[in-house]
């Protein structure tokens, strides 16, 4: 029997808001519209990854989503094939595990594009808290009061914390920003985050 993570016992009722239904409609429509151009970009970078370094172009990671449900995200590989031979670890600034093409993809967030599939099938939203890996979710929930509250809403491909802090903010800071997003949950805020995301992609702000 799989042991139930402690943070799941802390979750209360799933976040409810009238905008959630409209948000899901936007997720599906925009994902479908973006499917063709995104597929072309992903294919081109997949070929470049194969030429640039050993290993396949894609990899998957288990993440924790809405109400603690686990799912696998799909990403373009931006690190060496043996990057986690010693276990899961945070990416560092100027991380030597990142490949040459990986630096470009992480700066522009191109490595995240395959997650559009996760959005389409309903595991993620275009905008929401960044989904964490199970071991980090447990660790941060133990160390930071209320960190598990981020699981009351569907995780996002981009989000308020991502565009306001990038990779460099601490888990505690990330929680504050995600709770702010949940408190001000709206179409207007999502649109603002979408515009900020485009700026981040173009400038590489907050990349690691």
N, C-alpha and C. Protein backbone atom coordinates (compact mmCIF):
# COMPACT_ATOMS: atom_id res chain seq x y z
N UNK A 1 0.84 -1.20 0.00
CA UNK A 1 0.00 0.00 0.00
C UNK A 1 0.87 1.25 0.00
N UNK A 2 0.55 2.21 -0.88
CA UNK A 2 1.31 3.45 -0.94
C UNK A 2 0.94 4.35 0.24
N UNK A 3 1.96 4.83 0.93
CA UNK A 3 1.73 5.71 2.07
C UNK A 3 1.19 7.05 1.60
N UNK A 4 0.13 7.51 2.24
CA UNK A 4 -0.45 8.79 1.88
C UNK A 4 0.42 9.92 2.41
N UNK A 5 0.77 10.87 1.51
CA UNK A 5 1.61 11.98 1.93
C UNK A 5 0.92 12.82 2.99
N UNK A 6 1.73 13.31 3.94
CA UNK A 6 1.18 14.07 5.06
C UNK A 6 0.44 15.32 4.62
N UNK A 7 0.94 15.96 3.55
CA UNK A 7 0.34 17.22 3.12
C UNK A 7 -1.10 17.03 2.62
N UNK A 8 -1.43 15.83 2.15
CA UNK A 8 -2.79 15.57 1.66
C UNK A 8 -3.81 15.68 2.79
N UNK A 9 -3.38 15.35 4.01
CA UNK A 9 -4.29 15.42 5.15
C UNK A 9 -4.61 16.86 5.54
N UNK A 10 -3.80 17.80 5.05
CA UNK A 10 -4.00 19.21 5.39
C UNK A 10 -4.91 19.93 4.41
N UNK A 11 -5.19 19.30 3.27
CA UNK A 11 -5.99 19.96 2.25
C UNK A 11 -7.44 20.07 2.66
N UNK A 12 -8.03 21.22 2.43
CA UNK A 12 -9.45 21.39 2.69
C UNK A 12 -10.20 21.37 1.36
N UNK A 13 -11.37 21.95 1.30
CA UNK A 13 -12.19 21.91 0.09
C UNK A 13 -11.50 22.59 -1.09
N UNK A 14 -11.62 21.95 -2.24
CA UNK A 14 -11.03 22.48 -3.48
C UNK A 14 -11.50 23.92 -3.73
N UNK A 15 -10.60 24.74 -4.23
CA UNK A 15 -10.87 26.15 -4.53
C UNK A 15 -12.04 26.26 -5.51
N UNK A 16 -13.02 27.07 -5.14
CA UNK A 16 -14.21 27.25 -5.99
C UNK A 16 -14.32 28.71 -6.41
N UNK A 17 -14.65 28.92 -7.69
CA UNK A 17 -14.81 30.29 -8.19
C UNK A 17 -15.57 30.21 -9.52
N UNK A 18 -16.50 31.14 -9.77
CA UNK A 18 -17.26 31.12 -11.04
C UNK A 18 -16.39 31.16 -12.28
N UNK A 19 -15.21 31.76 -12.18
CA UNK A 19 -14.34 31.92 -13.33
C UNK A 19 -13.69 30.60 -13.76
N UNK A 20 -13.67 29.59 -12.90
CA UNK A 20 -12.97 28.34 -13.19
C UNK A 20 -13.50 27.67 -14.47
N UNK A 21 -14.81 27.68 -14.67
CA UNK A 21 -15.38 27.05 -15.87
C UNK A 21 -14.93 27.78 -17.13
N UNK A 22 -15.00 29.12 -17.11
CA UNK A 22 -14.55 29.91 -18.25
C UNK A 22 -13.06 29.72 -18.48
N UNK A 23 -12.30 29.63 -17.41
CA UNK A 23 -10.85 29.44 -17.50
C UNK A 23 -10.54 28.13 -18.22
N UNK A 24 -11.28 27.07 -17.93
CA UNK A 24 -11.06 25.78 -18.58
C UNK A 24 -11.38 25.86 -20.07
N UNK A 25 -12.41 26.59 -20.41
CA UNK A 25 -12.76 26.77 -21.83
C UNK A 25 -11.62 27.48 -22.56
N UNK A 26 -11.08 28.53 -21.94
CA UNK A 26 -9.94 29.25 -22.53
C UNK A 26 -8.74 28.31 -22.69
N UNK A 27 -8.49 27.48 -21.69
CA UNK A 27 -7.37 26.55 -21.73
C UNK A 27 -7.46 25.63 -22.95
N UNK A 28 -8.64 25.07 -23.16
CA UNK A 28 -8.84 24.13 -24.26
C UNK A 28 -8.72 24.83 -25.61
N UNK A 29 -9.42 25.94 -25.76
CA UNK A 29 -9.44 26.66 -27.04
C UNK A 29 -8.04 27.16 -27.41
N UNK A 30 -7.35 27.80 -26.46
CA UNK A 30 -6.02 28.35 -26.74
C UNK A 30 -5.00 27.24 -26.98
N UNK A 31 -5.14 26.13 -26.27
CA UNK A 31 -4.22 25.00 -26.47
C UNK A 31 -4.37 24.42 -27.87
N UNK A 32 -5.59 24.29 -28.32
CA UNK A 32 -5.84 23.76 -29.67
C UNK A 32 -5.30 24.71 -30.73
N UNK A 33 -5.52 26.01 -30.54
CA UNK A 33 -5.03 26.99 -31.50
C UNK A 33 -3.51 27.01 -31.57
N UNK A 34 -2.86 26.75 -30.43
CA UNK A 34 -1.40 26.81 -30.37
C UNK A 34 -0.75 25.49 -30.76
N UNK A 35 -1.55 24.45 -30.93
CA UNK A 35 -1.01 23.11 -31.14
C UNK A 35 -0.08 23.01 -32.34
N UNK A 36 -0.48 23.55 -33.49
CA UNK A 36 0.33 23.42 -34.70
C UNK A 36 1.64 24.20 -34.60
N UNK A 37 1.62 25.51 -34.30
CA UNK A 37 2.89 26.24 -34.20
C UNK A 37 3.81 25.71 -33.11
N UNK A 38 3.23 25.32 -32.00
CA UNK A 38 4.04 24.77 -30.91
C UNK A 38 4.66 23.45 -31.31
N UNK A 39 3.91 22.60 -32.01
CA UNK A 39 4.43 21.31 -32.46
C UNK A 39 5.62 21.48 -33.39
N UNK A 40 5.57 22.49 -34.24
CA UNK A 40 6.70 22.75 -35.16
C UNK A 40 7.94 23.15 -34.38
N UNK A 41 7.78 24.05 -33.42
CA UNK A 41 8.91 24.50 -32.60
C UNK A 41 9.49 23.33 -31.80
N UNK A 42 8.61 22.54 -31.19
CA UNK A 42 9.05 21.39 -30.39
C UNK A 42 9.81 20.39 -31.26
N UNK A 43 9.30 20.12 -32.46
CA UNK A 43 9.97 19.17 -33.36
C UNK A 43 11.37 19.66 -33.72
N UNK A 44 11.50 20.94 -34.06
CA UNK A 44 12.79 21.49 -34.45
C UNK A 44 13.81 21.38 -33.31
N UNK A 45 13.37 21.72 -32.11
CA UNK A 45 14.29 21.65 -30.97
C UNK A 45 14.57 20.21 -30.56
N UNK A 46 13.63 19.31 -30.79
CA UNK A 46 13.87 17.90 -30.50
C UNK A 46 15.01 17.37 -31.36
N UNK A 47 15.02 17.77 -32.63
CA UNK A 47 16.09 17.36 -33.54
C UNK A 47 17.43 17.95 -33.08
N UNK A 48 17.43 19.22 -32.70
CA UNK A 48 18.66 19.90 -32.26
C UNK A 48 19.20 19.23 -30.99
N UNK A 49 18.31 18.84 -30.08
CA UNK A 49 18.73 18.18 -28.83
C UNK A 49 19.43 16.87 -29.12
N UNK A 50 18.88 16.10 -30.06
CA UNK A 50 19.48 14.81 -30.42
C UNK A 50 20.89 15.01 -30.99
N UNK A 51 21.06 16.05 -31.78
CA UNK A 51 22.36 16.34 -32.38
C UNK A 51 23.34 16.89 -31.33
N UNK A 52 22.81 17.67 -30.39
CA UNK A 52 23.65 18.38 -29.42
C UNK A 52 24.20 17.50 -28.30
N UNK A 53 23.43 16.50 -27.85
CA UNK A 53 23.88 15.70 -26.71
C UNK A 53 23.27 14.31 -26.72
N UNK A 54 23.86 13.41 -25.94
CA UNK A 54 23.37 12.04 -25.85
C UNK A 54 22.01 11.99 -25.17
N UNK A 55 21.17 11.06 -25.62
CA UNK A 55 19.88 10.87 -24.99
C UNK A 55 18.73 11.35 -25.85
N UNK A 56 17.53 10.97 -25.44
CA UNK A 56 16.34 11.36 -26.17
C UNK A 56 16.01 12.82 -25.98
N UNK A 57 15.14 13.38 -26.82
CA UNK A 57 14.82 14.81 -26.74
C UNK A 57 13.80 15.15 -25.65
N UNK A 58 13.05 14.15 -25.20
CA UNK A 58 12.02 14.42 -24.20
C UNK A 58 12.31 13.67 -22.90
N UNK A 59 11.73 14.17 -21.83
CA UNK A 59 11.73 13.41 -20.59
C UNK A 59 10.49 13.80 -19.80
N UNK A 60 10.12 12.97 -18.87
CA UNK A 60 8.93 13.25 -18.07
C UNK A 60 9.29 13.24 -16.59
N UNK A 61 8.57 14.01 -15.83
CA UNK A 61 8.76 14.08 -14.38
C UNK A 61 7.40 14.01 -13.70
N UNK A 62 7.37 13.33 -12.57
CA UNK A 62 6.13 13.28 -11.80
C UNK A 62 5.98 14.57 -11.01
N UNK A 63 4.81 15.15 -11.07
CA UNK A 63 4.51 16.38 -10.34
C UNK A 63 3.22 16.20 -9.54
N UNK A 64 2.99 17.12 -8.62
CA UNK A 64 1.78 17.09 -7.80
C UNK A 64 0.84 18.19 -8.28
N UNK A 65 -0.39 17.80 -8.60
CA UNK A 65 -1.35 18.75 -9.14
C UNK A 65 -2.52 19.02 -8.23
N UNK A 66 -3.65 19.29 -8.83
CA UNK A 66 -4.87 19.66 -8.11
C UNK A 66 -5.24 18.64 -7.05
N UNK A 67 -5.41 19.11 -5.82
CA UNK A 67 -5.79 18.30 -4.66
C UNK A 67 -4.84 17.13 -4.42
N UNK A 68 -3.57 17.35 -4.78
CA UNK A 68 -2.54 16.36 -4.49
C UNK A 68 -2.46 15.21 -5.49
N UNK A 69 -3.21 15.29 -6.58
CA UNK A 69 -3.17 14.22 -7.57
C UNK A 69 -1.87 14.30 -8.38
N UNK A 70 -1.19 13.18 -8.50
CA UNK A 70 0.07 13.15 -9.23
C UNK A 70 -0.16 12.96 -10.72
N UNK A 71 0.71 13.56 -11.51
CA UNK A 71 0.66 13.40 -12.95
C UNK A 71 2.07 13.61 -13.49
N UNK A 72 2.29 13.30 -14.73
CA UNK A 72 3.62 13.45 -15.33
C UNK A 72 3.62 14.58 -16.35
N UNK A 73 4.57 15.51 -16.17
CA UNK A 73 4.74 16.58 -17.14
C UNK A 73 5.73 16.11 -18.21
N UNK A 74 5.55 16.60 -19.40
CA UNK A 74 6.45 16.28 -20.51
C UNK A 74 7.26 17.54 -20.83
N UNK A 75 8.57 17.39 -20.94
CA UNK A 75 9.43 18.54 -21.22
C UNK A 75 10.48 18.17 -22.26
N UNK A 76 10.98 19.18 -22.94
CA UNK A 76 12.15 18.98 -23.79
C UNK A 76 13.37 18.90 -22.87
N UNK A 77 14.26 17.97 -23.12
CA UNK A 77 15.41 17.77 -22.24
C UNK A 77 16.41 18.91 -22.39
N UNK A 78 16.67 19.61 -21.29
CA UNK A 78 17.60 20.75 -21.31
C UNK A 78 18.89 20.44 -20.55
N UNK A 79 18.96 19.27 -19.94
CA UNK A 79 20.15 18.88 -19.18
C UNK A 79 20.76 17.60 -19.75
N UNK A 80 21.96 17.28 -19.28
CA UNK A 80 22.60 16.03 -19.68
C UNK A 80 21.71 14.85 -19.29
N UNK A 81 21.89 13.75 -19.98
CA UNK A 81 21.07 12.57 -19.75
C UNK A 81 21.25 12.01 -18.34
N UNK A 82 22.41 12.26 -17.72
CA UNK A 82 22.70 11.75 -16.38
C UNK A 82 22.56 12.83 -15.31
N UNK A 83 21.78 13.86 -15.59
CA UNK A 83 21.69 15.04 -14.71
C UNK A 83 21.25 14.70 -13.29
N UNK A 84 20.43 13.67 -13.14
CA UNK A 84 19.92 13.33 -11.82
C UNK A 84 20.36 11.93 -11.39
N UNK A 85 21.57 11.60 -11.77
CA UNK A 85 22.12 10.29 -11.38
C UNK A 85 22.23 10.17 -9.87
N UNK A 86 22.39 11.32 -9.19
CA UNK A 86 22.51 11.33 -7.73
C UNK A 86 21.22 11.76 -7.04
N UNK A 87 20.12 11.74 -7.76
CA UNK A 87 18.84 12.11 -7.19
C UNK A 87 18.38 13.50 -7.60
N UNK A 88 17.13 13.83 -7.25
CA UNK A 88 16.54 15.11 -7.61
C UNK A 88 17.25 16.26 -6.90
N UNK A 89 17.47 17.35 -7.62
CA UNK A 89 18.10 18.53 -7.04
C UNK A 89 17.69 19.77 -7.81
N UNK A 90 17.77 20.92 -7.13
CA UNK A 90 17.40 22.19 -7.75
C UNK A 90 18.43 22.57 -8.80
N UNK A 91 17.95 23.22 -9.85
CA UNK A 91 18.88 23.78 -10.84
C UNK A 91 19.56 25.00 -10.24
N UNK A 92 20.86 25.11 -10.46
CA UNK A 92 21.63 26.23 -9.94
C UNK A 92 21.93 27.23 -11.05
N UNK A 93 22.35 28.42 -10.64
CA UNK A 93 22.77 29.40 -11.63
C UNK A 93 24.03 28.89 -12.32
N UNK A 94 24.09 28.98 -13.65
CA UNK A 94 25.21 28.44 -14.42
C UNK A 94 25.41 26.95 -14.13
N UNK A 95 24.32 26.23 -14.02
CA UNK A 95 24.35 24.79 -13.71
C UNK A 95 25.11 24.04 -14.82
N UNK A 96 26.18 23.31 -14.47
CA UNK A 96 26.97 22.60 -15.48
C UNK A 96 26.22 21.45 -16.15
N UNK A 97 25.12 21.03 -15.57
CA UNK A 97 24.35 19.93 -16.15
C UNK A 97 23.55 20.36 -17.38
N UNK A 98 23.35 21.66 -17.53
CA UNK A 98 22.54 22.18 -18.64
C UNK A 98 23.34 22.15 -19.93
N UNK A 99 22.73 21.64 -20.99
CA UNK A 99 23.41 21.54 -22.29
C UNK A 99 23.43 22.89 -22.99
N UNK A 100 24.15 22.96 -24.10
CA UNK A 100 24.23 24.22 -24.85
C UNK A 100 22.86 24.66 -25.35
N UNK A 101 22.13 23.74 -25.97
CA UNK A 101 20.80 24.09 -26.46
C UNK A 101 19.84 24.26 -25.28
N UNK A 102 20.14 23.57 -24.18
CA UNK A 102 19.31 23.69 -22.98
C UNK A 102 19.30 25.10 -22.42
N UNK A 103 20.44 25.77 -22.50
CA UNK A 103 20.52 27.16 -22.02
C UNK A 103 19.58 28.06 -22.80
N UNK A 104 19.50 27.83 -24.10
CA UNK A 104 18.61 28.63 -24.95
C UNK A 104 17.16 28.33 -24.60
N UNK A 105 16.84 27.05 -24.45
CA UNK A 105 15.45 26.66 -24.18
C UNK A 105 14.98 27.15 -22.82
N UNK A 106 15.84 27.05 -21.80
CA UNK A 106 15.44 27.48 -20.47
C UNK A 106 15.30 29.00 -20.39
N UNK A 107 16.13 29.70 -21.14
CA UNK A 107 16.05 31.17 -21.15
C UNK A 107 14.73 31.64 -21.75
N UNK A 108 14.26 30.93 -22.78
CA UNK A 108 13.04 31.30 -23.49
C UNK A 108 11.83 30.47 -23.06
N UNK A 109 12.05 29.52 -22.15
CA UNK A 109 11.00 28.60 -21.65
C UNK A 109 10.49 27.64 -22.73
N UNK A 110 11.23 27.47 -23.80
CA UNK A 110 10.81 26.55 -24.86
C UNK A 110 10.73 25.12 -24.35
N UNK A 111 11.57 24.77 -23.37
CA UNK A 111 11.55 23.40 -22.83
C UNK A 111 10.21 23.05 -22.18
N UNK A 112 9.42 24.08 -21.83
CA UNK A 112 8.14 23.86 -21.17
C UNK A 112 6.99 23.63 -22.16
N UNK A 113 7.20 23.91 -23.43
CA UNK A 113 6.11 23.88 -24.41
C UNK A 113 5.36 22.55 -24.50
N UNK A 114 6.03 21.38 -24.37
CA UNK A 114 5.27 20.12 -24.43
C UNK A 114 4.20 20.00 -23.35
N UNK A 115 4.30 20.81 -22.30
CA UNK A 115 3.29 20.75 -21.24
C UNK A 115 1.94 21.27 -21.71
N UNK A 116 1.91 21.81 -22.91
CA UNK A 116 0.63 22.22 -23.49
C UNK A 116 -0.31 21.01 -23.58
N UNK A 117 0.29 19.83 -23.75
CA UNK A 117 -0.51 18.60 -23.77
C UNK A 117 -1.15 18.38 -22.40
N UNK A 118 -0.41 18.65 -21.32
CA UNK A 118 -0.97 18.51 -19.97
C UNK A 118 -2.13 19.47 -19.75
N UNK A 119 -2.03 20.65 -20.37
CA UNK A 119 -3.12 21.63 -20.28
C UNK A 119 -4.34 21.12 -21.04
N UNK A 120 -4.11 20.60 -22.22
CA UNK A 120 -5.20 20.14 -23.07
C UNK A 120 -6.01 19.02 -22.42
N UNK A 121 -5.33 18.09 -21.73
CA UNK A 121 -6.03 16.96 -21.11
C UNK A 121 -6.57 17.30 -19.72
N UNK A 122 -6.31 18.52 -19.25
CA UNK A 122 -6.91 18.96 -18.00
C UNK A 122 -6.09 18.76 -16.75
N UNK A 123 -4.83 18.34 -16.87
CA UNK A 123 -3.98 18.17 -15.70
C UNK A 123 -3.39 19.49 -15.23
N UNK A 124 -3.28 20.43 -16.17
CA UNK A 124 -2.75 21.75 -15.86
C UNK A 124 -3.63 22.81 -16.50
N UNK A 125 -3.36 24.05 -16.14
CA UNK A 125 -4.01 25.20 -16.77
C UNK A 125 -2.90 26.03 -17.42
N UNK A 126 -3.26 26.94 -18.28
CA UNK A 126 -2.25 27.83 -18.87
C UNK A 126 -1.64 28.72 -17.79
N UNK A 127 -2.48 29.13 -16.82
CA UNK A 127 -2.02 30.00 -15.74
C UNK A 127 -2.36 29.36 -14.40
N UNK A 128 -1.39 29.32 -13.50
CA UNK A 128 -1.62 28.75 -12.18
C UNK A 128 -0.30 28.55 -11.46
N UNK A 129 -0.32 28.05 -10.22
CA UNK A 129 0.92 27.78 -9.49
C UNK A 129 1.77 26.73 -10.20
N UNK A 130 3.08 26.86 -10.12
CA UNK A 130 3.97 25.89 -10.75
C UNK A 130 3.88 24.55 -10.01
N UNK A 131 3.66 23.44 -10.71
CA UNK A 131 3.58 22.15 -10.03
C UNK A 131 4.96 21.68 -9.57
N UNK A 132 5.04 21.22 -8.33
CA UNK A 132 6.31 20.75 -7.79
C UNK A 132 6.40 19.22 -7.82
N UNK A 133 7.58 18.69 -7.68
CA UNK A 133 7.77 17.26 -7.60
C UNK A 133 7.32 16.78 -6.22
N UNK A 134 6.88 15.52 -6.09
CA UNK A 134 6.33 15.01 -4.83
C UNK A 134 7.25 15.20 -3.62
N UNK A 135 8.55 14.90 -3.80
CA UNK A 135 9.45 15.02 -2.65
C UNK A 135 9.61 16.47 -2.20
N UNK A 136 9.65 17.41 -3.15
CA UNK A 136 9.75 18.82 -2.78
C UNK A 136 8.44 19.33 -2.18
N UNK A 137 7.31 18.85 -2.71
CA UNK A 137 6.02 19.25 -2.16
C UNK A 137 5.92 18.84 -0.70
N UNK A 138 6.35 17.62 -0.39
CA UNK A 138 6.32 17.15 1.00
C UNK A 138 7.27 17.96 1.87
N UNK A 139 8.47 18.18 1.36
CA UNK A 139 9.48 18.93 2.13
C UNK A 139 9.01 20.35 2.44
N UNK A 140 8.51 21.05 1.43
CA UNK A 140 8.09 22.44 1.62
C UNK A 140 6.84 22.53 2.49
N UNK A 141 5.97 21.52 2.40
CA UNK A 141 4.77 21.51 3.22
C UNK A 141 5.12 21.29 4.69
N UNK A 142 6.20 20.54 4.93
CA UNK A 142 6.67 20.32 6.30
C UNK A 142 7.33 21.57 6.86
N UNK A 143 8.03 22.29 5.99
CA UNK A 143 8.83 23.44 6.44
C UNK A 143 8.07 24.77 6.43
N UNK A 144 7.09 24.89 5.53
CA UNK A 144 6.40 26.18 5.34
C UNK A 144 4.91 26.00 5.60
N UNK A 145 4.40 26.67 6.58
CA UNK A 145 2.98 26.54 6.93
C UNK A 145 2.10 26.99 5.76
N UNK A 146 1.18 26.12 5.36
CA UNK A 146 0.22 26.46 4.33
C UNK A 146 0.69 26.23 2.91
N UNK A 147 1.90 25.68 2.73
CA UNK A 147 2.41 25.50 1.36
C UNK A 147 1.50 24.61 0.53
N UNK A 148 0.84 23.67 1.20
CA UNK A 148 -0.04 22.74 0.47
C UNK A 148 -1.29 23.42 -0.08
N UNK A 149 -1.58 24.66 0.36
CA UNK A 149 -2.76 25.38 -0.14
C UNK A 149 -2.66 25.65 -1.64
N UNK A 150 -1.45 25.61 -2.19
CA UNK A 150 -1.26 25.79 -3.63
C UNK A 150 -1.93 24.67 -4.43
N UNK A 151 -2.18 23.54 -3.76
CA UNK A 151 -2.76 22.38 -4.44
C UNK A 151 -4.28 22.47 -4.57
N UNK A 152 -4.86 23.53 -4.01
CA UNK A 152 -6.31 23.69 -4.08
C UNK A 152 -6.76 24.22 -5.44
N UNK A 153 -5.79 24.59 -6.27
CA UNK A 153 -6.10 25.11 -7.59
C UNK A 153 -5.20 24.40 -8.60
N UNK A 154 -5.65 24.29 -9.83
CA UNK A 154 -4.90 23.57 -10.86
C UNK A 154 -3.58 24.28 -11.15
N UNK A 155 -2.48 23.54 -11.26
CA UNK A 155 -1.18 24.15 -11.57
C UNK A 155 -1.15 24.71 -12.98
N UNK A 156 -0.19 25.61 -13.23
CA UNK A 156 -0.16 26.28 -14.52
C UNK A 156 1.14 26.17 -15.27
N UNK A 157 1.05 26.32 -16.58
CA UNK A 157 2.22 26.38 -17.45
C UNK A 157 3.02 27.64 -17.15
N UNK A 158 2.30 28.72 -16.86
CA UNK A 158 2.90 29.95 -16.35
C UNK A 158 2.07 30.38 -15.15
N UNK A 159 2.51 31.40 -14.46
CA UNK A 159 1.76 31.81 -13.28
C UNK A 159 2.26 33.11 -12.70
N UNK A 160 1.56 33.61 -11.69
CA UNK A 160 1.91 34.89 -11.06
C UNK A 160 3.29 34.82 -10.43
N UNK A 161 3.59 33.71 -9.76
CA UNK A 161 4.89 33.56 -9.12
C UNK A 161 6.01 33.43 -10.15
N UNK A 162 5.71 32.73 -11.26
CA UNK A 162 6.73 32.53 -12.29
C UNK A 162 7.16 33.85 -12.94
N UNK A 163 6.20 34.72 -13.23
CA UNK A 163 6.54 35.96 -13.92
C UNK A 163 7.02 37.06 -12.97
N UNK A 164 6.79 36.87 -11.67
CA UNK A 164 7.22 37.87 -10.71
C UNK A 164 8.47 37.46 -9.92
N UNK A 165 8.91 36.23 -10.14
CA UNK A 165 10.10 35.80 -9.41
C UNK A 165 10.97 34.83 -10.17
N UNK A 166 10.40 34.14 -11.13
CA UNK A 166 11.17 33.18 -11.91
C UNK A 166 11.67 32.03 -11.07
N UNK A 167 12.87 31.54 -11.40
CA UNK A 167 13.46 30.40 -10.70
C UNK A 167 14.12 30.80 -9.39
N UNK A 168 14.33 32.09 -9.18
CA UNK A 168 15.19 32.52 -8.08
C UNK A 168 14.50 32.73 -6.74
N UNK A 169 13.18 32.76 -6.70
CA UNK A 169 12.50 33.02 -5.44
C UNK A 169 12.46 31.76 -4.57
N UNK A 170 12.35 31.96 -3.27
CA UNK A 170 12.30 30.84 -2.33
C UNK A 170 10.90 30.24 -2.34
N UNK A 171 10.74 29.00 -1.83
CA UNK A 171 9.41 28.39 -1.75
C UNK A 171 8.43 29.24 -0.94
N UNK A 172 8.91 29.89 0.12
CA UNK A 172 8.04 30.73 0.94
C UNK A 172 7.54 31.94 0.15
N UNK A 173 8.43 32.54 -0.63
CA UNK A 173 8.04 33.68 -1.47
C UNK A 173 7.08 33.22 -2.56
N UNK A 174 7.33 32.04 -3.09
CA UNK A 174 6.46 31.48 -4.12
C UNK A 174 5.05 31.28 -3.57
N UNK A 175 4.96 30.79 -2.33
CA UNK A 175 3.65 30.58 -1.70
C UNK A 175 2.89 31.90 -1.58
N UNK A 176 3.57 32.96 -1.14
CA UNK A 176 2.91 34.27 -0.99
C UNK A 176 2.33 34.75 -2.32
N UNK A 177 3.11 34.59 -3.38
CA UNK A 177 2.65 35.04 -4.70
C UNK A 177 1.49 34.19 -5.21
N UNK A 178 1.56 32.88 -4.98
CA UNK A 178 0.48 32.00 -5.43
C UNK A 178 -0.81 32.26 -4.65
N UNK A 179 -0.68 32.56 -3.36
CA UNK A 179 -1.87 32.87 -2.56
C UNK A 179 -2.47 34.20 -3.00
N UNK A 180 -1.61 35.14 -3.40
CA UNK A 180 -2.10 36.41 -3.94
C UNK A 180 -2.90 36.14 -5.22
N UNK A 181 -2.39 35.25 -6.07
CA UNK A 181 -3.10 34.90 -7.31
C UNK A 181 -4.47 34.31 -6.99
N UNK A 182 -4.52 33.42 -6.04
CA UNK A 182 -5.79 32.78 -5.69
C UNK A 182 -6.78 33.80 -5.10
N UNK A 183 -6.25 34.75 -4.35
CA UNK A 183 -7.10 35.78 -3.74
C UNK A 183 -7.69 36.72 -4.79
N UNK A 184 -6.93 36.97 -5.88
CA UNK A 184 -7.36 37.91 -6.92
C UNK A 184 -7.69 37.20 -8.23
N UNK A 185 -8.04 35.95 -8.13
CA UNK A 185 -8.36 35.07 -9.26
C UNK A 185 -9.37 35.71 -10.21
N UNK A 186 -8.95 35.95 -11.47
CA UNK A 186 -9.84 36.60 -12.42
C UNK A 186 -9.29 36.52 -13.84
N UNK A 187 -10.14 36.77 -14.81
CA UNK A 187 -9.71 36.83 -16.21
C UNK A 187 -8.71 37.96 -16.41
N UNK A 188 -8.96 39.07 -15.78
CA UNK A 188 -8.07 40.23 -15.92
C UNK A 188 -6.66 39.89 -15.45
N UNK A 189 -6.55 39.22 -14.30
CA UNK A 189 -5.24 38.86 -13.78
C UNK A 189 -4.56 37.84 -14.68
N UNK A 190 -5.32 36.86 -15.18
CA UNK A 190 -4.75 35.86 -16.08
C UNK A 190 -4.21 36.51 -17.36
N UNK A 191 -4.96 37.47 -17.88
CA UNK A 191 -4.51 38.16 -19.09
C UNK A 191 -3.21 38.93 -18.82
N UNK A 192 -3.13 39.56 -17.65
CA UNK A 192 -1.95 40.30 -17.27
C UNK A 192 -0.74 39.36 -17.17
N UNK A 193 -0.95 38.19 -16.58
CA UNK A 193 0.13 37.20 -16.44
C UNK A 193 0.55 36.69 -17.81
N UNK A 194 -0.42 36.51 -18.71
CA UNK A 194 -0.12 36.05 -20.07
C UNK A 194 0.80 37.04 -20.78
N UNK A 195 0.50 38.33 -20.65
CA UNK A 195 1.32 39.37 -21.29
C UNK A 195 2.71 39.38 -20.66
N UNK A 196 2.76 39.24 -19.33
CA UNK A 196 4.06 39.21 -18.64
C UNK A 196 4.87 38.00 -19.06
N UNK A 197 4.19 36.88 -19.31
CA UNK A 197 4.87 35.65 -19.73
C UNK A 197 5.57 35.86 -21.07
N UNK A 198 4.89 36.54 -21.99
CA UNK A 198 5.49 36.84 -23.30
C UNK A 198 6.76 37.67 -23.10
N UNK A 199 6.71 38.64 -22.18
CA UNK A 199 7.88 39.48 -21.90
C UNK A 199 9.02 38.65 -21.35
N UNK A 200 8.70 37.72 -20.43
CA UNK A 200 9.70 36.85 -19.84
C UNK A 200 10.36 35.99 -20.91
N UNK A 201 9.54 35.46 -21.82
CA UNK A 201 10.06 34.61 -22.90
C UNK A 201 11.01 35.41 -23.80
N UNK A 202 10.65 36.65 -24.11
CA UNK A 202 11.46 37.47 -24.99
C UNK A 202 12.75 37.98 -24.35
N UNK A 203 12.70 38.20 -23.03
CA UNK A 203 13.86 38.77 -22.34
C UNK A 203 14.69 37.73 -21.61
N UNK A 204 14.10 36.56 -21.32
CA UNK A 204 14.82 35.54 -20.55
C UNK A 204 14.92 35.89 -19.09
N UNK A 205 14.10 36.82 -18.61
CA UNK A 205 14.14 37.26 -17.22
C UNK A 205 13.85 36.11 -16.27
N UNK A 206 14.70 35.91 -15.28
CA UNK A 206 14.47 34.89 -14.26
C UNK A 206 14.89 33.50 -14.67
N UNK A 207 15.55 33.35 -15.81
CA UNK A 207 15.95 32.03 -16.28
C UNK A 207 17.13 31.50 -15.48
N UNK A 208 17.20 30.15 -15.47
CA UNK A 208 18.35 29.51 -14.81
C UNK A 208 18.69 28.25 -15.58
